Each structure stands twice: as C-alpha cells, then as structure tokens.
Amino acid sequence: MQLLDGIKVSNAILEDIKNEVDSRIKNHKKRPHLAAILVGDNPASQTYVGAKVKTCEYVGFQSTLSKLADDASEAELLALIEKYNNDADIDGILVQLPLPRHISEDKVINTISPLKDVDGFHPVSIGKMVLGQDTFIPATPNGIMMMLAHYNIDTSGMHCVVIGRSNIVGTPMSLLMSRNTNPGNCTVTMCHSKTKNLKEMCLQADIIVAAIGRPNYVTADMVKPGAIIIDVGINRIEDASKKSGFRLVGDVDFEAVKEKSSYITPVPGGVGKMTICALMKNTLLACN
C-alpha cells in the first residue's frame, strides 16, 4: 500500500505556483487576486476559508475576505458578487458553501462571472468541461486528477466507481475520469445512496472515489485487492479523547481498507489539501 500524500503533493505544486508568481512580479505583471466571501459563522466554513486565505498569502496572491452575517440577505450577497465581477483587479471569486437556507446557491453560482469562477461551478464552466474545452475545473476533482498525475498512475482501461453524484465532486469526477486523457480513459460507473448493488459494483472497481458524505461508509468487504482508493469525505465524529471532542474521518474505513489497497488517500491530509491547491491553480489561470 502506498499513501497518496496530499500534503506532499500540494506543497510541491504550491511551490511551483509561488515561483511563477515571483516571476510575474519581477516581470511587472499583475499579482493574482482572489476574493473570498463567507456568510455566517459555520466553524468548518471558517476553517476552510481561513486555509484558502493563508495559502494565497503563501504563494504570493493578494486576497480579500468579506464576511457577511448569517442573516445577510440574498440581495446583499448578490450585490457584493456583482461588485467583484466589475472590479478589474479581482481575478477570482469564491463564495464558501454551504450557504444559509434563505439564500439560493444556484442564484449565487449563476451570478459569479464565468471569467472569475475559480470554483468551477458556473453552468458555463460545467458545460465547457463536458465538451472538453478549456475552462475552470471544479477544485476537488481537479485536485484528484493532479494527484493521480503526480504519482504517475496510469488509469487507462481501469474501471472507476464514483460513489456520490454531487455537482461539486461526483458528477465532474465521473466526466474527468472517462475523458481521453491520462489520468482518465476509464470505464466509469456512478453510484449513490440509492444504488441497490453498491457492494458488487465496488468489488469490480480498480478505482473507488468515495464522495458520499458518510463516515467510514466504504468498508474492506467492498474493496478488491489492489484497488486505488480516493477518499473525498471529511466527517466529524465524536471522540472524547480529543480536546475538540471530535476527530475527522473520511467516507472510507481507512484502517481496514488500507491493507487491501494499492494506493489510498488519508483523511485528513489527502484530497482536502489538493482541493485548495487546485483552487490556487484556477486563480492563477484566471489572472493570465
């Protein structure tokens, strides 16, 4: 078993981004600028946004963080997005999800300019991705592809089972893995919580991408020997031994599954790190 180390891979890629930004500045080119918007005081969202802002600082990006109250109106948020759309100095716009229930995520995503959609969620971005055109790829699937490429894993001809059908991870992941690329060129099966024969499908898989949002959902009896396991899940479970009262686990029973896998991502320290890395790549792309 080899660990797919998101920390190691992301550090290497971020160092390349940092060097490119340094070169840009030396050549009197624009410094990339990411605007992040956080609505409410969700602790997990605060942590994620904080990590993104900190990474911007590391690679040399300029960042702007706007915090809105939990009861901020939808109109207030949309107006702020439009302000950033029209600000020529801002290259990328990130609205941290999830949003409070009274705000439509679809409206928010649709309001962000496709030219600044560094999360890759806008319908224009998704449409171009489906057609194989140059665009912003959603950060988590993009980060996974970058990780597979870093480890020189030849996925051609493999059967990839994606568990989860979200627009953020599962659906774009299935498209990327089926492309005529490497990583890619897989036969892809998309499964979800309503799949009746999920265990049987997983046992056929050379690659399992678990993105269903349920702790330790993929167990050892669902994995064939030598499978590649990509765990997208980040779940909090109670743990009295921790100062915080909880610990993070993925959608995969890591300790049991690692013995059967050829490659596996840990949680934390796996896909999450690659997601932020891919967001930085998209922001740099938006600036070019």
Protein backbone atom coordinates (compact mmCIF):
# COMPACT_ATOMS: atom_id res chain seq x y z
CA MET A 1 0.00 0.00 0.00
CA GLN A 2 1.24 3.45 -0.92
CA LEU A 3 -0.20 6.56 0.66
CA LEU A 4 -1.36 9.27 -1.74
CA ASP A 5 0.03 12.13 0.33
CA GLY A 6 -1.95 15.29 -0.39
CA ILE A 7 0.30 17.39 1.82
CA LYS A 8 3.46 16.38 -0.04
CA VAL A 9 1.91 16.76 -3.49
CA SER A 10 0.20 20.08 -2.77
CA ASN A 11 3.39 21.52 -1.27
CA ALA A 12 5.28 20.72 -4.46
CA ILE A 13 2.60 22.27 -6.69
CA LEU A 14 2.20 25.33 -4.47
CA GLU A 15 5.94 25.88 -4.62
CA ASP A 16 5.70 25.94 -8.43
CA ILE A 17 2.82 28.44 -8.22
CA LYS A 18 4.82 30.59 -5.80
CA ASN A 19 7.78 30.62 -8.19
CA GLU A 20 5.53 31.59 -11.08
CA VAL A 21 4.03 34.46 -9.08
CA ASP A 22 7.52 35.66 -8.13
CA SER A 23 8.44 35.59 -11.83
CA ARG A 24 5.28 37.52 -12.72
CA ILE A 25 6.08 40.25 -10.23
CA LYS A 26 9.68 40.52 -11.42
CA ASN A 27 8.36 40.98 -14.95
CA HIS A 28 5.95 43.69 -13.78
CA LYS A 29 2.87 41.55 -14.37
CA LYS A 30 -0.27 41.58 -12.26
CA ARG A 31 -0.35 39.79 -8.91
CA PRO A 32 -3.27 37.29 -8.83
CA HIS A 33 -6.13 38.41 -6.59
CA LEU A 34 -8.73 36.09 -5.04
CA ALA A 35 -11.86 37.46 -3.36
CA ALA A 36 -13.48 35.11 -0.85
CA ILE A 37 -16.93 35.59 0.67
CA LEU A 38 -18.03 33.89 3.88
CA VAL A 39 -21.67 34.07 5.00
CA GLY A 40 -22.40 33.19 8.63
CA ASP A 41 -20.24 31.68 11.35
CA ASN A 42 -20.15 27.98 10.46
CA PRO A 43 -16.93 26.74 12.15
CA ALA A 44 -16.00 24.36 9.33
CA SER A 45 -16.54 27.06 6.69
CA GLN A 46 -14.43 29.50 8.70
CA THR A 47 -11.63 26.92 8.84
CA TYR A 48 -11.80 26.22 5.10
CA VAL A 49 -11.81 29.90 4.12
CA GLY A 50 -9.01 30.63 6.56
CA ALA A 51 -6.88 27.91 4.98
CA LYS A 52 -7.54 29.31 1.49
CA VAL A 53 -6.61 32.85 2.52
CA LYS A 54 -3.46 31.57 4.24
CA THR A 55 -2.48 29.65 1.11
CA CYS A 56 -2.99 32.78 -1.00
CA GLU A 57 -0.53 34.57 1.26
CA TYR A 58 2.00 31.75 0.92
CA VAL A 59 2.01 31.66 -2.89
CA GLY A 60 2.04 35.45 -3.18
CA PHE A 61 -1.56 36.11 -4.20
CA GLN A 62 -3.49 39.09 -2.97
CA SER A 63 -6.67 38.05 -1.17
CA THR A 64 -9.78 39.85 0.00
CA LEU A 65 -12.05 38.21 2.59
CA SER A 66 -15.57 39.57 3.03
CA LYS A 67 -17.65 38.26 5.93
CA LEU A 68 -21.42 38.62 5.93
CA ALA A 69 -23.72 37.89 8.85
CA ASP A 70 -25.75 34.69 8.91
CA ASP A 71 -28.92 36.73 8.36
CA ALA A 72 -27.50 38.74 5.45
CA SER A 73 -30.00 38.93 2.62
CA GLU A 74 -29.62 37.18 -0.70
CA ALA A 75 -29.72 40.55 -2.42
CA GLU A 76 -26.82 41.79 -0.27
CA LEU A 77 -24.68 38.80 -1.24
CA LEU A 78 -25.53 39.07 -4.94
CA ALA A 79 -24.70 42.77 -4.91
CA LEU A 80 -21.28 42.03 -3.40
CA ILE A 81 -20.62 39.42 -6.07
CA GLU A 82 -21.56 41.90 -8.81
CA LYS A 83 -19.20 44.41 -7.25
CA TYR A 84 -16.37 41.90 -7.51
CA ASN A 85 -17.43 40.93 -11.04
CA ASN A 86 -16.91 44.55 -12.07
CA ASP A 87 -13.62 45.02 -10.19
CA ALA A 88 -10.85 44.59 -12.76
CA ASP A 89 -8.26 43.96 -10.03
CA ILE A 90 -10.05 40.83 -8.78
CA ASP A 91 -9.30 37.70 -10.81
CA GLY A 92 -11.22 35.02 -8.93
CA ILE A 93 -14.34 34.95 -6.77
CA LEU A 94 -15.02 32.26 -4.18
CA VAL A 95 -18.26 32.01 -2.20
CA GLN A 96 -17.85 29.43 0.55
CA LEU A 97 -20.57 26.79 0.57
CA PRO A 98 -22.89 25.79 2.15
CA LEU A 99 -24.93 28.98 2.43
CA PRO A 100 -27.76 29.75 4.88
CA ARG A 101 -31.05 28.23 3.77
CA HIS A 102 -32.66 31.54 2.80
CA ILE A 103 -30.03 32.09 0.08
CA SER A 104 -30.21 30.21 -3.22
CA GLU A 105 -26.89 28.56 -4.04
CA ASP A 106 -27.94 28.36 -7.69
CA LYS A 107 -28.52 32.12 -7.87
CA VAL A 108 -25.17 32.78 -6.23
CA ILE A 109 -23.28 30.43 -8.56
CA ASN A 110 -25.03 31.86 -11.61
CA THR A 111 -24.19 35.43 -10.58
CA ILE A 112 -20.43 34.87 -10.44
CA SER A 113 -18.81 35.82 -13.74
CA PRO A 114 -17.65 32.71 -15.64
CA LEU A 115 -14.35 34.56 -16.16
CA LYS A 116 -13.84 34.64 -12.37
CA ASP A 117 -15.46 31.32 -11.47
CA VAL A 118 -12.37 29.73 -9.90
CA ASP A 119 -14.52 27.16 -8.08
CA GLY A 120 -15.65 25.88 -11.49
CA PHE A 121 -19.34 25.67 -10.51
CA HIS A 122 -20.91 28.05 -13.04
CA PRO A 123 -23.06 26.37 -15.75
CA VAL A 124 -20.72 27.82 -18.39
CA SER A 125 -17.71 26.22 -16.68
CA ILE A 126 -19.50 22.88 -16.31
CA GLY A 127 -20.69 22.97 -19.92
CA LYS A 128 -17.20 23.63 -21.24
CA MET A 129 -15.83 20.84 -19.06
CA VAL A 130 -18.39 18.40 -20.51
CA LEU A 131 -17.30 19.42 -24.02
CA GLY A 132 -13.62 19.12 -23.14
CA GLN A 133 -12.96 22.82 -23.69
CA ASP A 134 -10.51 24.90 -21.64
CA THR A 135 -12.25 26.13 -18.50
CA PHE A 136 -12.09 26.18 -14.72
CA ILE A 137 -12.43 22.61 -13.41
CA PRO A 138 -14.12 22.17 -10.01
CA ALA A 139 -11.34 22.23 -7.45
CA THR A 140 -11.80 18.87 -5.73
CA PRO A 141 -11.99 16.71 -8.90
CA ASN A 142 -9.18 18.77 -10.43
CA GLY A 143 -7.07 18.22 -7.33
CA ILE A 144 -7.65 14.46 -7.52
CA MET A 145 -6.55 14.41 -11.18
CA MET A 146 -3.43 16.39 -10.25
CA MET A 147 -2.64 13.89 -7.50
CA LEU A 148 -3.01 10.87 -9.80
CA ALA A 149 -0.77 12.60 -12.36
CA HIS A 150 1.87 13.39 -9.72
CA TYR A 151 2.13 9.72 -8.77
CA ASN A 152 2.24 8.71 -12.46
CA ILE A 153 -0.71 6.34 -12.02
CA ASP A 154 -1.79 5.04 -15.41
CA THR A 155 -5.56 4.77 -15.14
CA SER A 156 -6.18 3.85 -18.79
CA GLY A 157 -8.65 0.98 -19.15
CA MET A 158 -9.46 0.84 -15.44
CA HIS A 159 -12.98 0.59 -14.03
CA CYS A 160 -13.62 3.63 -11.83
CA VAL A 161 -16.58 3.62 -9.45
CA VAL A 162 -17.59 7.07 -8.20
CA ILE A 163 -19.80 6.99 -5.11
CA GLY A 164 -21.75 10.25 -4.98
CA ARG A 165 -23.40 12.36 -7.68
CA SER A 166 -23.00 15.94 -6.48
CA ASN A 167 -22.31 18.73 -8.94
CA ILE A 168 -19.24 19.64 -6.89
CA VAL A 169 -17.46 16.27 -6.85
CA GLY A 170 -19.21 13.14 -8.11
CA THR A 171 -20.56 14.29 -11.46
CA PRO A 172 -17.46 16.19 -12.65
CA MET A 173 -15.21 13.41 -11.34
CA SER A 174 -17.03 10.84 -13.45
CA LEU A 175 -16.64 13.02 -16.54
CA LEU A 176 -12.93 13.67 -15.99
CA MET A 177 -12.12 10.01 -15.41
CA SER A 178 -13.88 9.00 -18.63
CA ARG A 179 -12.02 11.52 -20.81
CA ASN A 180 -9.43 10.51 -23.40
CA THR A 181 -6.61 11.72 -21.14
CA ASN A 182 -4.21 10.37 -18.57
CA PRO A 183 -5.33 10.31 -15.82
CA GLY A 184 -8.58 9.26 -17.44
CA ASN A 185 -9.57 6.75 -20.11
CA CYS A 186 -11.54 4.83 -17.50
CA THR A 187 -14.82 3.00 -17.76
CA VAL A 188 -16.84 4.87 -15.15
CA THR A 189 -19.79 3.77 -13.05
CA MET A 190 -21.51 6.44 -10.96
CA CYS A 191 -23.17 5.09 -7.81
CA HIS A 192 -25.02 6.80 -4.99
CA SER A 193 -27.09 6.15 -1.86
CA LYS A 194 -29.91 4.58 -3.87
CA THR A 195 -27.69 2.12 -5.79
CA LYS A 196 -29.02 -1.35 -4.94
CA ASN A 197 -25.92 -3.41 -5.72
CA LEU A 198 -23.29 -0.95 -4.49
CA LYS A 199 -21.06 -3.57 -2.87
CA GLU A 200 -20.98 -5.65 -6.05
CA MET A 201 -20.15 -2.59 -8.15
CA CYS A 202 -17.32 -1.58 -5.81
CA LEU A 203 -15.84 -5.07 -5.87
CA GLN A 204 -15.43 -4.68 -9.64
CA ALA A 205 -13.65 -1.35 -9.29
CA ASP A 206 -9.97 -0.72 -9.95
CA ILE A 207 -10.51 2.80 -8.58
CA ILE A 208 -13.07 3.90 -5.99
CA VAL A 209 -13.76 7.60 -5.48
CA ALA A 210 -15.82 7.91 -2.29
CA ALA A 211 -17.72 11.19 -2.08
CA ILE A 212 -20.98 10.32 -0.37
CA GLY A 213 -20.54 12.21 2.91
CA ARG A 214 -20.99 9.26 5.27
CA PRO A 215 -18.24 8.34 7.76
CA ASN A 216 -16.48 5.01 7.15
CA TYR A 217 -19.08 4.09 4.52
CA VAL A 218 -16.71 2.09 2.30
CA THR A 219 -15.63 -1.00 4.20
CA ALA A 220 -12.99 -3.62 3.48
CA ASP A 221 -15.52 -6.14 2.15
CA MET A 222 -16.41 -3.65 -0.62
CA VAL A 223 -12.85 -3.38 -1.93
CA LYS A 224 -11.00 -5.83 -4.16
CA PRO A 225 -7.27 -6.39 -3.54
CA GLY A 226 -5.08 -3.79 -5.23
CA ALA A 227 -7.77 -1.16 -5.74
CA ILE A 228 -6.93 2.54 -5.73
CA ILE A 229 -8.96 4.39 -3.08
CA ILE A 230 -9.68 8.13 -3.28
CA ASP A 231 -11.47 9.33 -0.14
CA VAL A 232 -13.16 12.72 -0.59
CA GLY A 233 -15.15 12.62 2.65
CA ILE A 234 -14.46 14.85 5.64
CA ASN A 235 -16.74 13.87 8.52
CA ARG A 236 -16.66 14.86 12.17
CA ILE A 237 -17.31 12.08 14.66
CA GLU A 238 -17.33 12.33 18.44
CA ASP A 239 -14.08 11.44 20.18
CA ALA A 240 -13.80 12.15 23.91
CA SER A 241 -10.03 11.65 23.76
CA LYS A 242 -9.65 14.77 21.61
CA LYS A 243 -9.58 18.25 23.07
CA SER A 244 -12.07 19.37 20.45
CA GLY A 245 -14.39 16.48 21.30
CA PHE A 246 -14.30 15.14 17.76
CA ARG A 247 -11.99 13.76 15.08
CA LEU A 248 -12.08 13.78 11.31
CA VAL A 249 -12.65 10.64 9.29
CA GLY A 250 -13.34 10.04 5.63
CA ASP A 251 -16.01 8.11 3.77
CA VAL A 252 -13.67 5.10 3.81
CA ASP A 253 -12.80 2.86 6.76
CA PHE A 254 -9.13 3.72 6.33
CA GLU A 255 -7.54 1.31 8.79
CA ALA A 256 -9.35 -1.73 7.36
CA VAL A 257 -9.27 -0.75 3.69
CA LYS A 258 -5.60 0.30 3.51
CA GLU A 259 -4.49 -3.32 3.86
CA LYS A 260 -6.28 -4.23 0.61
CA SER A 261 -5.49 -1.16 -1.48
CA SER A 262 -2.53 -0.39 -3.72
CA TYR A 263 -2.93 3.38 -3.21
CA ILE A 264 -5.11 5.25 -0.72
CA THR A 265 -5.64 8.85 0.40
CA PRO A 266 -5.69 9.65 4.12
CA VAL A 267 -8.18 11.91 5.91
CA PRO A 268 -7.05 14.48 6.80
CA GLY A 269 -4.01 15.15 4.62
CA GLY A 270 -5.32 13.80 1.34
CA VAL A 271 -7.87 15.23 -1.07
CA GLY A 272 -8.61 18.29 1.08
CA LYS A 273 -5.11 19.66 0.57
CA MET A 274 -5.37 19.08 -3.16
CA THR A 275 -8.66 20.99 -3.33
CA ILE A 276 -7.03 24.18 -2.08
CA CYS A 277 -4.07 23.58 -4.38
CA ALA A 278 -6.38 23.30 -7.40
CA LEU A 279 -8.19 26.49 -6.37
CA MET A 280 -4.85 28.32 -6.44
CA LYS A 281 -4.13 26.92 -9.91
CA ASN A 282 -7.51 28.17 -11.14
CA THR A 283 -6.87 31.62 -9.69
CA LEU A 284 -3.52 31.82 -11.42
CA LEU A 285 -5.22 30.74 -14.66
CA ALA A 286 -7.86 33.46 -14.21
CA CYS A 287 -5.10 36.06 -13.94
CA ASN A 288 -3.41 35.05 -17.20
